[in-house]
């Protein structure tokens, strides 16, 4: 398997603990083992470990106090910590009285929050690990990324479709039920399938409710489950001014991985052209932006802009400093394809108005810069657009 150097900067000062969140198979455990090889490690995916400390949370304190202090100089790692929420009271006591450092790793904070678990009251920083990004992959292959997705094991897997199907069926559906996040797994499964087809578009709660056989309120709750389990994110409309009758109430939703979206829609992309390529290409760019704002610690908002007359810009970053329109067509971008971002540039005057596409050469059209996708990503990760 290829080796990936992750962009996550995880430098903890002395005495500081941290939460590390991320969807399953984003590579958290592998990265932690490599980054902190000397750490004491508790893996709550192991049933015996999980059951022992669920029954007796004080066992963590007793075991750690019995250790030689030299073995506790590296952070103590608790993996899949959401499975044993009561352990966090013990963690707080050990942080405050024994000055121990912890890394609390998990794929969902929802169960902790809903169970009113102790989230350490600011004693732990928050980090997130995303699927792979282009800057982490040697010899990055766009079609491979769009078809396989960017979870490390899937991107490097020649049998990725079987792996993706198993991931969706065994984790994204069954584990949601196992975590007690919803009682109606059949309805949630229908909802999840419907999300794949409406992915990246304005959310129509009523339509998805009909497909899933539940009411719109339940659909909204299901979307929140996906957000809380780090399986997707809302993109809200940009609202600085409303002079063009901007559609401002309805968000879009993007799943966390382009491969997961592809397996839900049975999508295969043989070449860099066509509607399916365009949808996947836009999703991929969103993934890069979402990871960049996290890893760069800039945490800039990502919005979209759309008017009632149909003018649209795919992504508006920050307070309108950067506008990004994604074009996945194989030909030259021109004419009516530029109307939306040209209108945005005229009205809001962003520092950068960018059309990211598959063209080979960069060019300027009025206030717009047409940028090959590789160039755009190199500059994004170099901090040239937002930094």
Protein backbone atom coordinates (compact mmCIF):
# COMPACT_ATOMS: atom_id res chain seq x y z
CA UNK A 1 0.00 0.00 0.00
CA UNK A 2 1.20 3.50 -0.78
CA UNK A 3 2.53 5.57 2.09
CA UNK A 4 0.70 8.84 2.70
CA UNK A 5 2.18 11.77 4.61
CA UNK A 6 -0.81 13.40 6.27
CA UNK A 7 -1.24 17.19 6.45
CA UNK A 8 -2.63 17.16 9.98
CA UNK A 9 -0.44 19.25 12.29
CA UNK A 10 -0.81 17.67 15.71
CA UNK A 11 1.68 19.49 17.89
CA UNK A 12 0.53 19.47 21.52
CA UNK A 13 2.21 21.66 24.14
CA UNK A 14 3.13 20.04 27.47
CA UNK A 15 0.12 19.33 29.63
CA UNK A 16 -2.43 19.59 26.81
CA UNK A 17 -4.79 16.80 25.75
CA UNK A 18 -6.81 16.52 22.55
CA UNK A 19 -9.81 14.99 20.84
CA UNK A 20 -9.13 13.58 17.36
CA UNK A 21 -12.35 13.07 15.38
CA UNK A 22 -12.84 11.58 11.94
CA UNK A 23 -15.04 9.11 10.08
CA UNK A 24 -14.07 5.46 10.18
CA UNK A 25 -11.16 4.48 7.92
CA UNK A 26 -9.85 8.01 7.45
CA UNK A 27 -6.61 6.67 8.94
CA UNK A 28 -6.72 8.00 12.51
CA UNK A 29 -5.53 4.84 14.24
CA UNK A 30 -2.75 4.14 11.74
CA UNK A 31 -1.55 7.74 12.01
CA UNK A 32 -1.64 7.73 15.82
CA UNK A 33 0.35 4.48 16.03
CA UNK A 34 3.00 6.00 13.75
CA UNK A 35 3.01 9.42 15.42
CA UNK A 36 3.04 8.18 19.04
CA UNK A 37 4.66 4.72 18.99
CA UNK A 38 5.47 4.79 22.72
CA UNK A 39 1.96 5.66 23.87
CA UNK A 40 -0.20 3.46 26.06
CA UNK A 41 -3.09 2.53 23.76
CA UNK A 42 -6.66 1.48 24.59
CA UNK A 43 -8.72 0.34 21.59
CA UNK A 44 -12.43 0.25 22.42
CA UNK A 45 -13.19 -1.58 19.18
CA UNK A 46 -11.81 -4.59 21.08
CA UNK A 47 -14.88 -5.99 22.80
CA UNK A 48 -13.08 -7.21 25.90
CA UNK A 49 -11.41 -3.84 26.50
CA UNK A 50 -14.66 -1.96 25.87
CA UNK A 51 -16.76 -4.20 28.14
CA UNK A 52 -14.21 -4.19 30.98
CA UNK A 53 -14.01 -0.40 31.16
CA UNK A 54 -17.73 0.07 30.56
CA UNK A 55 -18.43 -2.02 33.64
CA UNK A 56 -15.58 -0.55 35.67
CA UNK A 57 -14.46 2.88 34.35
CA UNK A 58 -12.24 3.24 37.41
CA UNK A 59 -10.12 0.46 35.92
CA UNK A 60 -8.49 3.02 33.66
CA UNK A 61 -7.32 5.06 36.65
CA UNK A 62 -6.18 1.98 38.55
CA UNK A 63 -4.21 0.58 35.58
CA UNK A 64 -2.49 3.87 34.76
CA UNK A 65 -1.58 4.64 38.37
CA UNK A 66 0.09 1.22 38.55
CA UNK A 67 2.42 2.07 35.66
CA UNK A 68 5.89 3.51 35.89
CA UNK A 69 5.71 7.24 35.13
CA UNK A 70 8.27 6.85 32.34
CA UNK A 71 5.71 4.86 30.32
CA UNK A 72 3.23 7.76 30.53
CA UNK A 73 5.41 10.51 29.08
CA UNK A 74 3.69 10.17 25.69
CA UNK A 75 -0.04 10.92 25.45
CA UNK A 76 -2.33 8.05 26.47
CA UNK A 77 -4.55 7.14 23.52
CA UNK A 78 -8.18 6.05 23.89
CA UNK A 79 -9.47 4.95 20.48
CA UNK A 80 -13.22 4.99 19.66
CA UNK A 81 -13.81 6.77 22.94
CA UNK A 82 -17.49 7.36 22.15
CA UNK A 83 -18.12 3.68 22.93
CA UNK A 84 -17.27 4.21 26.62
CA UNK A 85 -18.51 7.75 27.40
CA UNK A 86 -18.33 7.29 31.17
CA UNK A 87 -14.55 6.91 30.92
CA UNK A 88 -14.25 10.67 30.40
CA UNK A 89 -14.83 11.43 34.08
CA UNK A 90 -11.78 9.31 34.88
CA UNK A 91 -9.82 11.04 32.13
CA UNK A 92 -10.60 14.46 33.61
CA UNK A 93 -9.48 13.33 37.07
CA UNK A 94 -6.20 11.97 35.65
CA UNK A 95 -5.59 15.20 33.71
CA UNK A 96 -6.24 17.43 36.71
CA UNK A 97 -4.59 15.45 39.51
CA UNK A 98 -1.89 13.40 37.77
CA UNK A 99 -1.08 15.85 34.95
CA UNK A 100 -1.40 13.06 32.34
CA UNK A 101 -1.99 13.83 28.67
CA UNK A 102 -4.60 12.04 26.56
CA UNK A 103 -5.58 11.77 22.92
CA UNK A 104 -9.24 10.81 22.70
CA UNK A 105 -9.98 9.44 19.26
CA UNK A 106 -13.42 8.77 17.83
CA UNK A 107 -15.72 8.69 14.84
CA UNK A 108 -18.71 10.41 16.47
CA UNK A 109 -19.26 12.91 19.24
CA UNK A 110 -23.04 12.58 18.91
CA UNK A 111 -23.41 9.82 21.47
CA UNK A 112 -21.22 11.73 23.92
CA UNK A 113 -23.18 14.96 23.50
CA UNK A 114 -26.63 13.34 23.66
CA UNK A 115 -25.61 11.35 26.73
CA UNK A 116 -24.30 14.53 28.36
CA UNK A 117 -20.88 12.95 28.65
CA UNK A 118 -18.00 14.92 30.11
CA UNK A 119 -16.26 16.63 27.15
CA UNK A 120 -13.54 17.93 29.47
CA UNK A 121 -14.68 21.55 29.50
CA UNK A 122 -11.98 22.98 27.27
CA UNK A 123 -9.17 20.87 28.72
CA UNK A 124 -8.68 19.17 25.34
CA UNK A 125 -8.12 20.72 21.93
CA UNK A 126 -10.14 19.50 18.97
CA UNK A 127 -8.61 18.09 15.79
CA UNK A 128 -10.19 16.33 12.83
CA UNK A 129 -8.78 13.90 10.29
CA UNK A 130 -10.31 13.95 6.82
CA UNK A 131 -10.04 11.54 3.90
CA UNK A 132 -6.87 11.91 1.87
CA UNK A 133 -6.24 15.12 -0.04
CA UNK A 134 -4.28 15.57 -3.25
CA UNK A 135 -1.29 17.07 -1.40
CA UNK A 136 -0.87 13.84 0.59
CA UNK A 137 -0.82 11.43 -2.36
CA UNK A 138 2.30 10.77 -4.44
CA UNK A 139 1.45 10.68 -8.16
CA UNK A 140 -2.15 11.71 -7.50
CA UNK A 141 -4.64 10.29 -10.04
CA UNK A 142 -7.90 12.24 -10.37
CA UNK A 143 -10.02 9.48 -11.95
CA UNK A 144 -8.74 6.99 -9.40
CA UNK A 145 -9.79 9.37 -6.62
CA UNK A 146 -13.24 9.98 -8.11
CA UNK A 147 -13.95 6.28 -8.63
CA UNK A 148 -12.38 4.82 -5.49
CA UNK A 149 -12.81 7.68 -3.07
CA UNK A 150 -10.16 9.06 -0.76
CA UNK A 151 -10.28 6.83 2.28
CA UNK A 152 -6.69 5.51 2.34
CA UNK A 153 -7.57 1.81 2.13
CA UNK A 154 -10.04 2.39 -0.72
CA UNK A 155 -7.86 4.69 -2.82
CA UNK A 156 -5.11 2.05 -2.85
CA UNK A 157 -7.49 -0.92 -3.33
CA UNK A 158 -7.90 -2.55 -6.76
CA UNK A 159 -11.12 -4.13 -5.42
CA UNK A 160 -12.45 -0.81 -4.22
CA UNK A 161 -16.09 -1.39 -5.24
CA UNK A 162 -16.42 -4.41 -2.97
CA UNK A 163 -14.68 -2.52 -0.17
CA UNK A 164 -16.92 0.53 -0.62
CA UNK A 165 -20.09 -1.58 -0.64
CA UNK A 166 -18.99 -3.33 2.55
CA UNK A 167 -18.15 0.01 4.14
CA UNK A 168 -21.58 1.44 3.35
CA UNK A 169 -23.51 -1.66 4.36
CA UNK A 170 -21.58 -2.69 7.45
CA UNK A 171 -20.67 0.67 8.92
CA UNK A 172 -22.68 3.54 7.57
CA UNK A 173 -25.97 1.74 8.14
CA UNK A 174 -25.55 -1.01 10.74
CA UNK A 175 -23.22 0.88 13.07
CA UNK A 176 -25.56 3.86 13.12
CA UNK A 177 -28.16 1.48 14.53
CA UNK A 178 -25.65 -0.14 16.90
CA UNK A 179 -24.75 3.26 18.31
CA UNK A 180 -28.42 3.84 19.06
CA UNK A 181 -28.56 6.91 16.83
CA UNK A 182 -31.78 5.79 15.17
CA UNK A 183 -34.22 2.94 15.82
CA UNK A 184 -35.58 2.63 12.29
CA UNK A 185 -32.63 1.31 10.31
CA UNK A 186 -34.78 0.48 7.24
CA UNK A 187 -35.95 4.09 6.93
CA UNK A 188 -32.43 5.38 7.58
CA UNK A 189 -31.09 3.09 4.83
CA UNK A 190 -33.64 4.41 2.35
CA UNK A 191 -32.78 7.94 3.40
CA UNK A 192 -29.06 7.31 2.94
CA UNK A 193 -29.60 5.92 -0.56
CA UNK A 194 -31.68 8.98 -1.45
CA UNK A 195 -28.95 11.30 -0.17
CA UNK A 196 -26.57 9.81 -2.72
CA UNK A 197 -28.76 10.89 -5.61
CA UNK A 198 -29.49 14.38 -4.27
CA UNK A 199 -25.93 14.92 -3.13
CA UNK A 200 -24.46 18.36 -3.83
CA UNK A 201 -27.85 19.86 -4.74
CA UNK A 202 -30.30 22.03 -2.80
CA UNK A 203 -31.91 19.76 -0.21
CA UNK A 204 -35.54 18.92 -0.90
CA UNK A 205 -36.63 17.55 2.49
CA UNK A 206 -40.14 16.65 1.31
CA UNK A 207 -38.90 14.64 -1.68
CA UNK A 208 -36.36 12.72 0.39
CA UNK A 209 -39.00 12.11 3.07
CA UNK A 210 -41.24 10.46 0.45
CA UNK A 211 -38.37 8.27 -0.73
CA UNK A 212 -37.47 7.24 2.82
CA UNK A 213 -41.07 6.76 3.99
CA UNK A 214 -40.74 9.17 6.92
CA UNK A 215 -41.72 12.77 7.57
CA UNK A 216 -39.58 15.80 6.76
CA UNK A 217 -38.75 16.40 10.43
CA UNK A 218 -37.24 12.92 10.65
CA UNK A 219 -35.24 13.55 7.48
CA UNK A 220 -33.75 16.66 9.08
CA UNK A 221 -32.80 14.55 12.12
CA UNK A 222 -31.20 11.95 9.84
CA UNK A 223 -29.13 14.65 8.13
CA UNK A 224 -27.96 15.83 11.55
CA UNK A 225 -26.90 12.26 12.38
CA UNK A 226 -24.68 12.29 9.28
CA UNK A 227 -23.16 15.63 10.30
CA UNK A 228 -22.60 14.55 13.91
CA UNK A 229 -20.97 11.27 12.82
CA UNK A 230 -18.71 13.22 10.43
CA UNK A 231 -20.23 11.56 7.36
CA UNK A 232 -21.20 14.80 5.66
CA UNK A 233 -21.51 18.54 5.93
CA UNK A 234 -24.00 21.25 5.05
CA UNK A 235 -23.03 24.10 2.76
CA UNK A 236 -25.19 27.11 3.53
CA UNK A 237 -26.05 29.91 1.05
CA UNK A 238 -23.98 33.08 1.03
CA UNK A 239 -26.06 35.94 2.48
CA UNK A 240 -24.04 39.14 2.62
CA UNK A 241 -26.51 41.00 0.37
CA UNK A 242 -29.81 40.06 -1.16
CA UNK A 243 -30.10 42.43 -4.12
CA UNK A 244 -30.46 39.62 -6.66
CA UNK A 245 -33.16 37.75 -4.74
CA UNK A 246 -30.76 35.15 -3.46
CA UNK A 247 -32.18 31.79 -2.45
CA UNK A 248 -31.17 31.90 1.19
CA UNK A 249 -33.13 29.30 3.16
CA UNK A 250 -32.06 25.92 1.74
CA UNK A 251 -28.58 24.43 2.20
CA UNK A 252 -26.74 21.87 0.12
CA UNK A 253 -25.25 18.70 1.58
CA UNK A 254 -22.02 16.89 0.66
CA UNK A 255 -21.07 13.44 1.87
CA UNK A 256 -17.60 13.19 3.38
CA UNK A 257 -16.15 11.02 0.60
CA UNK A 258 -16.58 11.03 -3.17
CA UNK A 259 -16.22 7.24 -3.33
CA UNK A 260 -19.07 6.69 -0.88
CA UNK A 261 -21.30 8.98 -2.97
CA UNK A 262 -20.28 7.04 -6.08
CA UNK A 263 -21.12 3.61 -4.68
CA UNK A 264 -24.55 4.84 -3.54
CA UNK A 265 -25.37 5.96 -7.09
CA UNK A 266 -23.61 2.99 -8.77
CA UNK A 267 -21.42 5.51 -10.57
CA UNK A 268 -18.36 4.63 -12.64
CA UNK A 269 -16.37 7.36 -14.38
CA UNK A 270 -14.22 6.12 -17.29
CA UNK A 271 -12.99 9.54 -18.49
CA UNK A 272 -12.76 13.19 -17.49
CA UNK A 273 -15.96 14.34 -19.15
CA UNK A 274 -19.72 14.10 -18.80
CA UNK A 275 -22.30 14.89 -16.13
CA UNK A 276 -21.19 12.17 -13.71
CA UNK A 277 -17.60 13.35 -13.89
CA UNK A 278 -18.71 16.94 -13.31
CA UNK A 279 -20.68 16.05 -10.17
CA UNK A 280 -17.85 13.97 -8.75
CA UNK A 281 -15.27 16.62 -9.66
CA UNK A 282 -17.23 19.32 -7.77
CA UNK A 283 -17.54 16.98 -4.77
CA UNK A 284 -13.79 16.33 -4.82
CA UNK A 285 -12.99 20.05 -4.82
CA UNK A 286 -15.36 20.51 -1.88
CA UNK A 287 -13.47 17.78 0.00
CA UNK A 288 -10.19 19.59 -0.63
CA UNK A 289 -11.62 22.90 0.61
CA UNK A 290 -13.21 21.29 3.67
CA UNK A 291 -9.94 19.61 4.65
CA UNK A 292 -7.85 22.69 3.88
CA UNK A 293 -9.81 24.98 6.18
CA UNK A 294 -9.40 22.41 8.98
CA UNK A 295 -5.73 21.55 8.52
CA UNK A 296 -4.75 25.18 7.93
CA UNK A 297 -6.67 26.16 11.10
CA UNK A 298 -8.19 29.06 9.19
CA UNK A 299 -11.72 27.63 9.64
CA UNK A 300 -13.12 29.92 6.97
CA UNK A 301 -16.79 29.37 6.10
CA UNK A 302 -17.68 27.66 2.83
CA UNK A 303 -20.93 28.81 1.21
CA UNK A 304 -22.58 28.67 -2.18
CA UNK A 305 -24.38 31.50 -3.99
CA UNK A 306 -27.52 31.08 -6.04
CA UNK A 307 -30.22 33.48 -7.20
CA UNK A 308 -33.83 32.85 -8.13
CA UNK A 309 -32.94 33.61 -11.73
CA UNK A 310 -30.49 30.69 -11.74
CA UNK A 311 -27.15 32.48 -11.37
CA UNK A 312 -24.88 30.35 -9.19
CA UNK A 313 -21.38 30.01 -7.79
CA UNK A 314 -20.41 26.62 -6.36
CA UNK A 315 -18.26 27.80 -3.44
CA UNK A 316 -17.80 31.18 -1.75
CA UNK A 317 -15.00 31.16 0.80
CA UNK A 318 -14.67 33.38 3.86
CA UNK A 319 -16.77 36.53 3.73
CA UNK A 320 -16.72 36.49 -0.05
CA UNK A 321 -12.95 36.87 -0.46
CA UNK A 322 -12.74 33.93 -2.86
CA UNK A 323 -15.37 32.67 -5.31
CA UNK A 324 -14.84 29.25 -6.90
CA UNK A 325 -16.88 27.86 -9.79
CA UNK A 326 -16.24 24.23 -10.80
CA UNK A 327 -16.49 23.21 -14.45
CA UNK A 328 -15.95 19.56 -15.31
CA UNK A 329 -16.55 19.75 -19.04
CA UNK A 330 -13.87 18.58 -21.43
CA UNK A 331 -13.91 21.69 -23.63
CA UNK A 332 -13.03 25.34 -23.24
CA UNK A 333 -15.00 27.18 -20.54
CA UNK A 334 -16.73 30.21 -22.06
CA UNK A 335 -19.96 32.12 -22.60
CA UNK A 336 -22.96 31.30 -20.45
CA UNK A 337 -20.86 28.97 -18.26
CA UNK A 338 -19.24 32.07 -16.78
CA UNK A 339 -22.39 34.13 -16.18
CA UNK A 340 -22.88 33.14 -12.53
CA UNK A 341 -19.38 33.82 -11.29
CA UNK A 342 -19.11 36.95 -13.48
CA UNK A 343 -22.25 38.31 -11.81
CA UNK A 344 -20.88 37.48 -8.37
CA UNK A 345 -17.55 39.14 -9.18
CA UNK A 346 -19.33 42.26 -10.40
CA UNK A 347 -21.50 42.54 -7.29
CA UNK A 348 -19.15 41.45 -4.49
CA UNK A 349 -15.66 42.11 -5.90
CA UNK A 350 -13.86 39.10 -4.37
CA UNK A 351 -10.06 39.08 -4.24
CA UNK A 352 -10.10 35.92 -6.36
CA UNK A 353 -12.84 34.87 -8.79
CA UNK A 354 -11.73 31.43 -9.98
CA UNK A 355 -13.09 28.94 -12.49
CA UNK A 356 -11.52 25.57 -11.70
CA UNK A 357 -11.60 23.25 -14.69
CA UNK A 358 -9.83 20.59 -16.73
CA UNK A 359 -8.24 23.02 -19.20
CA UNK A 360 -4.46 22.72 -19.50
CA UNK A 361 -3.48 26.41 -19.44
CA UNK A 362 -4.39 29.26 -17.12
CA UNK A 363 -6.04 32.35 -18.62
CA UNK A 364 -7.89 35.52 -17.59
CA UNK A 365 -11.35 36.58 -18.81
CA UNK A 366 -12.31 40.02 -17.47
CA UNK A 367 -12.37 39.74 -13.67
CA UNK A 368 -12.23 35.93 -13.81
CA UNK A 369 -9.23 33.62 -13.73
CA UNK A 370 -9.62 30.25 -15.45
CA UNK A 371 -7.40 27.84 -13.52
CA UNK A 372 -6.46 24.19 -14.22
CA UNK A 373 -7.47 22.09 -11.22
CA UNK A 374 -3.91 20.99 -10.43
CA UNK A 375 -2.75 24.61 -10.32
CA UNK A 376 -5.68 25.57 -8.11
CA UNK A 377 -4.93 22.81 -5.58
CA UNK A 378 -1.22 23.57 -5.48
CA UNK A 379 -1.94 27.23 -4.71
CA UNK A 380 -4.67 26.37 -2.22
CA UNK A 381 -2.36 24.16 -0.15
CA UNK A 382 0.47 26.70 -0.51
CA UNK A 383 -1.78 29.30 1.16
CA UNK A 384 -1.96 31.62 -1.85
CA UNK A 385 -5.74 32.08 -1.84
CA UNK A 386 -6.45 32.04 1.91
CA UNK A 387 -3.70 32.32 4.43
